Every structure is written in structure tokens, then in C-alpha cells.
Amino acid sequence: MDIFLIIVAGVLMIIAFIGCIVPALPGPILGYAGMWLIHITNRIEFSMRDLFIAGIITLAVILLDYVVPAWCTKKFGGSKKGVWGSIIGLIVGMLSPIPFGFLWGPFAGAVVGELIAGKDHWESLKSGMGSFVGFILSTGLKIAVVVAFCVLYCQEVWNAYF
């Protein structure tokens, strides 16, 4: 049973990487679930303190994933309409059949929101770039957390079996 749980946890870690890029999959949550799976095996055990800290980090990354793109849009001169456009663009981009809609959706949404707010094309594009930069930052943050979870996973499995 331990080997099965370790394999499933490893698969979750791999899917977690994909989930860092594809917004429909909760990457950090899947990585955290993988840590819990290997924790319940007989040979590997994390301390409750470590699992609690990893849970807090996972929760923080999930929250920041929604806050950082909007914050960057505002930092690049975006208005409330640009921020809302970015959020709506993310949702539309994820649901659209066009490849990489999750990349262009927030950018396009922020630009359209700023144009509706009456800003000129250059200011609108600047806000759109802020949304894109925010998406890249939040994706990098998710990847860093999942890499840390994967390192812990590999380290614990190695120590338990080799």
C-alpha cells in the first residue's frame, strides 16, 4: 500500500507542475495533497509543524495568485475597469477553445477595460502588460512552491527507501 501511495503522490506532483501553468488545475493544492499522501505511509512521516507550514504557504500562494495580477495591473497604471477586465479576461481565456487563452485573456481584458474607461491605446497596453507581468509572477511563485514540495517528496522517498 505504501508503494501505491508514493506512486500516486508522485503523479500528483507531476500534475501539480502542469497546474502551475494551466489555471484550471490547482497546482500547489495537488502538490500539498501529494505531501499528505506520503505522510500517511508507514515509512515516511512529516512533522505536523511542517505540514501546517506547507498548508499556510499553499493557502498564501492560492490567494496571491488572484491578487498579484490585479496588483500589477494597478502598478502599471490600470484603473478599476482595467483590473476587472483582467479578471474577466482570465475567465474568458480559460473557457475559450483558443490555445493559451489563459495567457492572452487577462492581457486583452485589461486593455479592453482601460479602453472602456477612456484611456488611450498606449496606457491601455501598459495596463495589459501589467496584467501579463502579474500572471508571470504568480505562475513563478506557484512553480517555486511546487518545486519545494517535489524536493521534499524526493528527499523523503530517497531517505525511506535508499
N, C-alpha and C. Protein backbone atom coordinates (compact mmCIF):
# COMPACT_ATOMS: atom_id res chain seq x y z
N MET A 1 0.81 -1.19 0.00
CA MET A 1 0.00 0.00 0.00
C MET A 1 0.86 1.27 0.00
N ASP A 2 2.00 1.20 0.70
CA ASP A 2 2.89 2.36 0.74
C ASP A 2 3.39 2.73 -0.64
N ILE A 3 3.79 1.72 -1.40
CA ILE A 3 4.31 1.98 -2.75
C ILE A 3 3.22 2.63 -3.61
N PHE A 4 2.00 2.13 -3.50
CA PHE A 4 0.89 2.71 -4.26
C PHE A 4 0.70 4.18 -3.90
N LEU A 5 0.69 4.50 -2.60
CA LEU A 5 0.52 5.89 -2.17
C LEU A 5 1.66 6.78 -2.64
N ILE A 6 2.87 6.24 -2.62
CA ILE A 6 4.03 7.01 -3.08
C ILE A 6 3.94 7.28 -4.58
N ILE A 7 3.49 6.30 -5.35
CA ILE A 7 3.33 6.49 -6.80
C ILE A 7 2.23 7.51 -7.08
N VAL A 8 1.10 7.40 -6.40
CA VAL A 8 0.02 8.37 -6.59
C VAL A 8 0.49 9.77 -6.21
N ALA A 9 1.24 9.88 -5.12
CA ALA A 9 1.78 11.18 -4.71
C ALA A 9 2.72 11.73 -5.78
N GLY A 10 3.54 10.86 -6.37
CA GLY A 10 4.43 11.29 -7.44
C GLY A 10 3.67 11.79 -8.65
N VAL A 11 2.58 11.10 -8.99
CA VAL A 11 1.74 11.54 -10.11
C VAL A 11 1.11 12.89 -9.79
N LEU A 12 0.67 13.07 -8.54
CA LEU A 12 0.12 14.37 -8.14
C LEU A 12 1.16 15.48 -8.27
N MET A 13 2.41 15.16 -7.93
CA MET A 13 3.47 16.17 -8.05
C MET A 13 3.67 16.57 -9.52
N ILE A 14 3.62 15.60 -10.41
CA ILE A 14 3.77 15.90 -11.83
C ILE A 14 2.60 16.75 -12.33
N ILE A 15 1.38 16.36 -11.94
CA ILE A 15 0.21 17.13 -12.34
C ILE A 15 0.25 18.52 -11.72
N ALA A 16 0.83 18.64 -10.53
CA ALA A 16 0.95 19.94 -9.88
C ALA A 16 1.78 20.91 -10.73
N PHE A 17 2.82 20.40 -11.38
CA PHE A 17 3.61 21.27 -12.28
C PHE A 17 2.74 21.79 -13.41
N ILE A 18 1.96 20.92 -14.00
CA ILE A 18 1.06 21.34 -15.08
C ILE A 18 0.07 22.36 -14.54
N GLY A 19 -0.41 22.12 -13.32
CA GLY A 19 -1.37 23.03 -12.70
C GLY A 19 -0.81 24.40 -12.38
N CYS A 20 0.49 24.53 -12.34
CA CYS A 20 1.09 25.85 -12.13
C CYS A 20 0.92 26.74 -13.35
N ILE A 21 0.79 26.13 -14.51
CA ILE A 21 0.67 26.89 -15.74
C ILE A 21 -0.78 26.97 -16.21
N VAL A 22 -1.50 25.86 -16.10
CA VAL A 22 -2.89 25.82 -16.53
C VAL A 22 -3.77 26.23 -15.34
N PRO A 23 -4.46 27.35 -15.44
CA PRO A 23 -5.22 27.85 -14.29
C PRO A 23 -6.36 26.93 -13.83
N ALA A 24 -6.83 26.04 -14.67
CA ALA A 24 -7.93 25.17 -14.28
C ALA A 24 -7.50 24.10 -13.28
N LEU A 25 -6.21 23.82 -13.18
CA LEU A 25 -5.70 22.83 -12.24
C LEU A 25 -5.04 23.54 -11.06
N PRO A 26 -5.39 23.16 -9.84
CA PRO A 26 -4.79 23.81 -8.67
C PRO A 26 -3.43 23.21 -8.31
N GLY A 27 -2.38 23.67 -8.96
CA GLY A 27 -1.05 23.10 -8.80
C GLY A 27 -0.56 22.98 -7.37
N PRO A 28 -0.49 24.07 -6.61
CA PRO A 28 0.01 23.96 -5.24
C PRO A 28 -0.84 23.04 -4.36
N ILE A 29 -2.15 23.04 -4.58
CA ILE A 29 -3.02 22.16 -3.79
C ILE A 29 -2.71 20.69 -4.09
N LEU A 30 -2.48 20.38 -5.36
CA LEU A 30 -2.16 18.99 -5.72
C LEU A 30 -0.81 18.57 -5.13
N GLY A 31 0.15 19.48 -5.14
CA GLY A 31 1.45 19.19 -4.53
C GLY A 31 1.32 18.95 -3.04
N TYR A 32 0.51 19.77 -2.39
CA TYR A 32 0.28 19.62 -0.96
C TYR A 32 -0.44 18.30 -0.67
N ALA A 33 -1.38 17.94 -1.50
CA ALA A 33 -2.07 16.65 -1.34
C ALA A 33 -1.08 15.50 -1.49
N GLY A 34 -0.13 15.63 -2.40
CA GLY A 34 0.91 14.61 -2.54
C GLY A 34 1.75 14.47 -1.29
N MET A 35 2.04 15.59 -0.64
CA MET A 35 2.79 15.52 0.62
C MET A 35 2.00 14.77 1.69
N TRP A 36 0.69 15.02 1.76
CA TRP A 36 -0.14 14.32 2.74
C TRP A 36 -0.20 12.82 2.43
N LEU A 37 -0.24 12.47 1.13
CA LEU A 37 -0.29 11.04 0.78
C LEU A 37 0.96 10.30 1.25
N ILE A 38 2.13 10.90 1.05
CA ILE A 38 3.32 10.18 1.51
C ILE A 38 3.46 10.25 3.03
N HIS A 39 2.81 11.24 3.64
CA HIS A 39 2.84 11.34 5.10
C HIS A 39 2.08 10.17 5.74
N ILE A 40 1.02 9.69 5.10
CA ILE A 40 0.22 8.63 5.71
C ILE A 40 0.78 7.24 5.44
N THR A 41 1.91 7.16 4.75
CA THR A 41 2.56 5.86 4.57
C THR A 41 3.23 5.45 5.88
N ASN A 42 3.64 4.20 5.96
CA ASN A 42 4.28 3.71 7.18
C ASN A 42 5.75 4.11 7.29
N ARG A 43 6.40 4.41 6.16
CA ARG A 43 7.84 4.65 6.19
C ARG A 43 8.23 6.13 6.14
N ILE A 44 7.29 7.00 5.77
CA ILE A 44 7.61 8.42 5.63
C ILE A 44 6.64 9.21 6.51
N GLU A 45 7.20 10.15 7.24
CA GLU A 45 6.34 10.96 8.10
C GLU A 45 6.92 12.37 8.22
N PHE A 46 6.09 13.34 7.82
CA PHE A 46 6.43 14.74 8.04
C PHE A 46 5.95 15.13 9.43
N SER A 47 6.57 16.12 10.02
CA SER A 47 6.06 16.62 11.29
C SER A 47 4.79 17.42 11.01
N MET A 48 3.93 17.49 11.99
CA MET A 48 2.70 18.27 11.83
C MET A 48 3.03 19.74 11.63
N ARG A 49 4.12 20.20 12.22
CA ARG A 49 4.57 21.59 12.03
C ARG A 49 4.89 21.84 10.57
N ASP A 50 5.62 20.90 9.94
CA ASP A 50 5.98 21.05 8.53
C ASP A 50 4.75 21.05 7.64
N LEU A 51 3.81 20.15 7.93
CA LEU A 51 2.58 20.09 7.13
C LEU A 51 1.73 21.35 7.33
N PHE A 52 1.71 21.88 8.53
CA PHE A 52 0.97 23.11 8.81
C PHE A 52 1.59 24.28 8.04
N ILE A 53 2.91 24.39 8.09
CA ILE A 53 3.60 25.47 7.37
C ILE A 53 3.37 25.34 5.87
N ALA A 54 3.47 24.12 5.35
CA ALA A 54 3.22 23.90 3.92
C ALA A 54 1.78 24.27 3.56
N GLY A 55 0.84 23.98 4.45
CA GLY A 55 -0.55 24.35 4.21
C GLY A 55 -0.75 25.85 4.18
N ILE A 56 -0.10 26.56 5.09
CA ILE A 56 -0.19 28.03 5.11
C ILE A 56 0.41 28.61 3.84
N ILE A 57 1.55 28.06 3.42
CA ILE A 57 2.19 28.53 2.18
C ILE A 57 1.28 28.27 0.99
N THR A 58 0.66 27.09 0.95
CA THR A 58 -0.25 26.76 -0.14
C THR A 58 -1.42 27.73 -0.18
N LEU A 59 -2.00 28.01 0.96
CA LEU A 59 -3.11 28.95 1.03
C LEU A 59 -2.68 30.35 0.59
N ALA A 60 -1.51 30.78 1.03
CA ALA A 60 -1.00 32.10 0.65
C ALA A 60 -0.78 32.20 -0.86
N VAL A 61 -0.24 31.14 -1.45
CA VAL A 61 0.00 31.16 -2.90
C VAL A 61 -1.31 31.20 -3.67
N ILE A 62 -2.31 30.48 -3.18
CA ILE A 62 -3.61 30.49 -3.84
C ILE A 62 -4.20 31.91 -3.81
N LEU A 63 -4.12 32.55 -2.67
CA LEU A 63 -4.64 33.92 -2.56
C LEU A 63 -3.84 34.89 -3.41
N LEU A 64 -2.52 34.77 -3.37
CA LEU A 64 -1.68 35.67 -4.16
C LEU A 64 -1.87 35.47 -5.66
N ASP A 65 -2.27 34.28 -6.06
CA ASP A 65 -2.50 34.01 -7.47
C ASP A 65 -3.60 34.90 -8.04
N TYR A 66 -4.54 35.29 -7.20
CA TYR A 66 -5.61 36.18 -7.64
C TYR A 66 -5.26 37.65 -7.42
N VAL A 67 -4.43 37.93 -6.45
CA VAL A 67 -4.13 39.31 -6.08
C VAL A 67 -3.01 39.90 -6.94
N VAL A 68 -1.97 39.13 -7.22
CA VAL A 68 -0.79 39.67 -7.90
C VAL A 68 -1.11 40.23 -9.29
N PRO A 69 -1.86 39.52 -10.17
CA PRO A 69 -2.14 40.13 -11.48
C PRO A 69 -2.91 41.45 -11.37
N ALA A 70 -3.88 41.51 -10.46
CA ALA A 70 -4.63 42.76 -10.30
C ALA A 70 -3.73 43.86 -9.74
N TRP A 71 -2.88 43.51 -8.79
CA TRP A 71 -1.95 44.48 -8.21
C TRP A 71 -0.99 45.02 -9.26
N CYS A 72 -0.45 44.13 -10.09
CA CYS A 72 0.47 44.57 -11.15
C CYS A 72 -0.24 45.44 -12.18
N THR A 73 -1.49 45.11 -12.48
CA THR A 73 -2.25 45.94 -13.40
C THR A 73 -2.37 47.35 -12.85
N LYS A 74 -2.67 47.48 -11.56
CA LYS A 74 -2.76 48.80 -10.93
C LYS A 74 -1.40 49.50 -10.91
N LYS A 75 -0.32 48.74 -10.63
CA LYS A 75 1.03 49.33 -10.58
C LYS A 75 1.45 49.86 -11.94
N PHE A 76 0.95 49.26 -13.00
CA PHE A 76 1.29 49.71 -14.35
C PHE A 76 0.32 50.79 -14.83
N GLY A 77 -0.45 51.35 -13.91
CA GLY A 77 -1.33 52.47 -14.25
C GLY A 77 -2.75 52.08 -14.57
N GLY A 78 -3.16 50.88 -14.26
CA GLY A 78 -4.51 50.44 -14.57
C GLY A 78 -5.55 51.00 -13.63
N SER A 79 -6.75 51.12 -14.14
CA SER A 79 -7.88 51.59 -13.34
C SER A 79 -8.67 50.37 -12.84
N LYS A 80 -9.75 50.65 -12.11
CA LYS A 80 -10.60 49.56 -11.64
C LYS A 80 -11.19 48.78 -12.81
N LYS A 81 -11.53 49.49 -13.87
CA LYS A 81 -12.09 48.80 -15.04
C LYS A 81 -11.04 47.91 -15.69
N GLY A 82 -9.79 48.35 -15.65
CA GLY A 82 -8.71 47.51 -16.19
C GLY A 82 -8.49 46.26 -15.35
N VAL A 83 -8.57 46.41 -14.02
CA VAL A 83 -8.42 45.26 -13.13
C VAL A 83 -9.57 44.28 -13.35
N TRP A 84 -10.80 44.79 -13.40
CA TRP A 84 -11.94 43.91 -13.65
C TRP A 84 -11.85 43.28 -15.03
N GLY A 85 -11.39 44.04 -16.00
CA GLY A 85 -11.21 43.48 -17.35
C GLY A 85 -10.20 42.35 -17.34
N SER A 86 -9.15 42.50 -16.56
CA SER A 86 -8.14 41.45 -16.44
C SER A 86 -8.74 40.18 -15.84
N ILE A 87 -9.54 40.33 -14.80
CA ILE A 87 -10.16 39.17 -14.15
C ILE A 87 -11.15 38.50 -15.11
N ILE A 88 -11.98 39.30 -15.75
CA ILE A 88 -12.94 38.74 -16.70
C ILE A 88 -12.21 38.09 -17.88
N GLY A 89 -11.14 38.73 -18.33
CA GLY A 89 -10.35 38.18 -19.43
C GLY A 89 -9.73 36.84 -19.07
N LEU A 90 -9.30 36.68 -17.82
CA LEU A 90 -8.75 35.40 -17.37
C LEU A 90 -9.81 34.31 -17.46
N ILE A 91 -11.00 34.61 -16.99
CA ILE A 91 -12.09 33.62 -17.02
C ILE A 91 -12.46 33.28 -18.46
N VAL A 92 -12.62 34.30 -19.30
CA VAL A 92 -12.97 34.06 -20.70
C VAL A 92 -11.85 33.29 -21.40
N GLY A 93 -10.61 33.67 -21.12
CA GLY A 93 -9.47 33.00 -21.74
C GLY A 93 -9.38 31.53 -21.37
N MET A 94 -9.68 31.22 -20.10
CA MET A 94 -9.64 29.82 -19.66
C MET A 94 -10.73 28.99 -20.32
N LEU A 95 -11.89 29.61 -20.54
CA LEU A 95 -13.03 28.88 -21.09
C LEU A 95 -13.04 28.84 -22.62
N SER A 96 -12.23 29.66 -23.24
CA SER A 96 -12.23 29.72 -24.70
C SER A 96 -11.49 28.53 -25.31
N PRO A 97 -11.89 28.11 -26.49
CA PRO A 97 -11.21 26.99 -27.13
C PRO A 97 -9.88 27.38 -27.80
N ILE A 98 -9.55 28.65 -27.74
CA ILE A 98 -8.32 29.14 -28.37
C ILE A 98 -7.13 28.74 -27.50
N PRO A 99 -6.07 28.19 -28.12
CA PRO A 99 -4.90 27.79 -27.33
C PRO A 99 -4.29 28.97 -26.56
N PHE A 100 -3.86 28.69 -25.35
CA PHE A 100 -3.20 29.66 -24.47
C PHE A 100 -4.08 30.85 -24.15
N GLY A 101 -5.39 30.63 -24.08
CA GLY A 101 -6.32 31.70 -23.73
C GLY A 101 -6.06 32.26 -22.34
N PHE A 102 -5.53 31.41 -21.46
CA PHE A 102 -5.22 31.87 -20.11
C PHE A 102 -4.07 32.86 -20.10
N LEU A 103 -3.28 32.90 -21.19
CA LEU A 103 -2.19 33.89 -21.28
C LEU A 103 -2.68 35.22 -21.85
N TRP A 104 -3.41 35.14 -22.96
CA TRP A 104 -3.82 36.39 -23.61
C TRP A 104 -5.08 36.98 -23.00
N GLY A 105 -5.90 36.17 -22.31
CA GLY A 105 -7.16 36.65 -21.76
C GLY A 105 -7.01 37.81 -20.79
N PRO A 106 -6.16 37.67 -19.75
CA PRO A 106 -6.01 38.80 -18.82
C PRO A 106 -5.45 40.05 -19.48
N PHE A 107 -4.50 39.85 -20.39
CA PHE A 107 -3.92 40.99 -21.12
C PHE A 107 -5.01 41.71 -21.92
N ALA A 108 -5.74 40.94 -22.73
CA ALA A 108 -6.78 41.54 -23.57
C ALA A 108 -7.89 42.16 -22.72
N GLY A 109 -8.26 41.49 -21.62
CA GLY A 109 -9.29 42.02 -20.75
C GLY A 109 -8.89 43.35 -20.12
N ALA A 110 -7.63 43.44 -19.69
CA ALA A 110 -7.16 44.69 -19.10
C ALA A 110 -7.15 45.81 -20.14
N VAL A 111 -6.71 45.50 -21.35
CA VAL A 111 -6.68 46.51 -22.42
C VAL A 111 -8.09 46.98 -22.72
N VAL A 112 -9.03 46.05 -22.88
CA VAL A 112 -10.41 46.43 -23.19
C VAL A 112 -11.00 47.23 -22.04
N GLY A 113 -10.74 46.82 -20.80
CA GLY A 113 -11.25 47.56 -19.64
C GLY A 113 -10.75 48.99 -19.62
N GLU A 114 -9.48 49.16 -19.95
CA GLU A 114 -8.91 50.53 -19.96
C GLU A 114 -9.47 51.35 -21.12
N LEU A 115 -9.68 50.72 -22.25
CA LEU A 115 -10.28 51.45 -23.38
C LEU A 115 -11.70 51.89 -23.04
N ILE A 116 -12.44 51.02 -22.34
CA ILE A 116 -13.79 51.39 -21.91
C ILE A 116 -13.73 52.54 -20.91
N ALA A 117 -12.68 52.55 -20.08
CA ALA A 117 -12.52 53.64 -19.10
C ALA A 117 -12.12 54.95 -19.75
N GLY A 118 -11.81 54.92 -21.04
CA GLY A 118 -11.49 56.15 -21.75
C GLY A 118 -10.01 56.45 -21.88
N LYS A 119 -9.16 55.49 -21.53
CA LYS A 119 -7.72 55.72 -21.66
C LYS A 119 -7.29 55.50 -23.12
N ASP A 120 -6.16 56.10 -23.47
CA ASP A 120 -5.68 55.93 -24.84
C ASP A 120 -5.05 54.55 -25.01
N HIS A 121 -4.67 54.24 -26.25
CA HIS A 121 -4.17 52.90 -26.59
C HIS A 121 -2.89 52.55 -25.83
N TRP A 122 -1.98 53.51 -25.71
CA TRP A 122 -0.71 53.21 -25.05
C TRP A 122 -0.88 52.94 -23.56
N GLU A 123 -1.72 53.72 -22.91
CA GLU A 123 -1.99 53.49 -21.49
C GLU A 123 -2.71 52.15 -21.30
N SER A 124 -3.60 51.84 -22.22
CA SER A 124 -4.31 50.56 -22.15
C SER A 124 -3.35 49.39 -22.33
N LEU A 125 -2.43 49.51 -23.26
CA LEU A 125 -1.45 48.44 -23.47
C LEU A 125 -0.52 48.31 -22.26
N LYS A 126 -0.18 49.43 -21.65
CA LYS A 126 0.66 49.39 -20.45
C LYS A 126 -0.04 48.63 -19.32
N SER A 127 -1.32 48.87 -19.12
CA SER A 127 -2.09 48.14 -18.11
C SER A 127 -2.17 46.66 -18.46
N GLY A 128 -2.35 46.36 -19.74
CA GLY A 128 -2.37 44.97 -20.18
C GLY A 128 -1.06 44.27 -19.90
N MET A 129 0.05 44.98 -20.10
CA MET A 129 1.36 44.40 -19.78
C MET A 129 1.49 44.16 -18.28
N GLY A 130 0.94 45.05 -17.48
CA GLY A 130 0.94 44.85 -16.03
C GLY A 130 0.22 43.58 -15.65
N SER A 131 -0.91 43.33 -16.29
CA SER A 131 -1.66 42.10 -16.03
C SER A 131 -0.84 40.88 -16.43
N PHE A 132 -0.17 40.95 -17.57
CA PHE A 132 0.66 39.84 -18.04
C PHE A 132 1.84 39.60 -17.09
N VAL A 133 2.49 40.68 -16.66
CA VAL A 133 3.61 40.55 -15.72
C VAL A 133 3.12 39.92 -14.41
N GLY A 134 1.94 40.34 -13.95
CA GLY A 134 1.37 39.75 -12.74
C GLY A 134 1.11 38.27 -12.89
N PHE A 135 0.61 37.88 -14.06
CA PHE A 135 0.38 36.45 -14.31
C PHE A 135 1.69 35.68 -14.28
N ILE A 136 2.73 36.23 -14.88
CA ILE A 136 4.04 35.56 -14.90
C ILE A 136 4.59 35.45 -13.47
N LEU A 137 4.46 36.51 -12.68
CA LEU A 137 4.95 36.48 -11.29
C LEU A 137 4.20 35.44 -10.46
N SER A 138 2.88 35.41 -10.59
CA SER A 138 2.11 34.45 -9.79
C SER A 138 2.39 33.02 -10.25
N THR A 139 2.61 32.82 -11.54
CA THR A 139 2.96 31.50 -12.04
C THR A 139 4.33 31.08 -11.50
N GLY A 140 5.29 32.00 -11.50
CA GLY A 140 6.61 31.70 -10.94
C GLY A 140 6.55 31.35 -9.47
N LEU A 141 5.70 32.03 -8.73
CA LEU A 141 5.52 31.74 -7.31
C LEU A 141 4.95 30.34 -7.12
N LYS A 142 3.96 29.98 -7.91
CA LYS A 142 3.37 28.64 -7.81
C LYS A 142 4.40 27.57 -8.16
N ILE A 143 5.19 27.82 -9.20
CA ILE A 143 6.22 26.85 -9.59
C ILE A 143 7.24 26.69 -8.48
N ALA A 144 7.65 27.78 -7.84
CA ALA A 144 8.63 27.70 -6.75
C ALA A 144 8.10 26.84 -5.60
N VAL A 145 6.83 27.01 -5.26
CA VAL A 145 6.25 26.23 -4.17
C VAL A 145 6.17 24.75 -4.55
N VAL A 146 5.74 24.47 -5.77
CA VAL A 146 5.62 23.07 -6.20
C VAL A 146 7.01 22.43 -6.30
N VAL A 147 8.01 23.17 -6.73
CA VAL A 147 9.38 22.63 -6.75
C VAL A 147 9.81 22.28 -5.32
N ALA A 148 9.52 23.15 -4.37
CA ALA A 148 9.88 22.85 -2.98
C ALA A 148 9.17 21.59 -2.49
N PHE A 149 7.89 21.44 -2.82
CA PHE A 149 7.16 20.23 -2.44
C PHE A 149 7.77 18.99 -3.10
N CYS A 150 8.15 19.12 -4.35
CA CYS A 150 8.75 17.98 -5.07
C CYS A 150 10.11 17.61 -4.48
N VAL A 151 10.89 18.60 -4.09
CA VAL A 151 12.18 18.33 -3.46
C VAL A 151 11.97 17.58 -2.15
N LEU A 152 11.01 18.02 -1.36
CA LEU A 152 10.70 17.33 -0.11
C LEU A 152 10.23 15.90 -0.38
N TYR A 153 9.39 15.74 -1.38
CA TYR A 153 8.90 14.42 -1.76
C TYR A 153 10.07 13.50 -2.12
N CYS A 154 10.93 13.96 -3.03
CA CYS A 154 12.07 13.14 -3.47
C CYS A 154 13.02 12.83 -2.32
N GLN A 155 13.27 13.81 -1.50
CA GLN A 155 14.17 13.63 -0.36
C GLN A 155 13.62 12.59 0.62
N GLU A 156 12.36 12.67 0.94
CA GLU A 156 11.77 11.73 1.88
C GLU A 156 11.69 10.32 1.30
N VAL A 157 11.32 10.20 0.04
CA VAL A 157 11.26 8.88 -0.59
C VAL A 157 12.67 8.28 -0.66
N TRP A 158 13.64 9.09 -1.02
CA TRP A 158 15.02 8.60 -1.09
C TRP A 158 15.50 8.12 0.28
N ASN A 159 15.27 8.93 1.30
CA ASN A 159 15.70 8.56 2.65
C ASN A 159 14.99 7.30 3.17
N ALA A 160 13.76 7.10 2.78
CA ALA A 160 12.99 5.95 3.27
C ALA A 160 13.36 4.64 2.56
N TYR A 161 13.76 4.74 1.30
CA TYR A 161 13.94 3.51 0.53
C TYR A 161 15.37 3.25 0.06
N PHE A 162 16.25 4.24 0.18
CA PHE A 162 17.61 4.01 -0.34
C PHE A 162 18.66 4.28 0.68
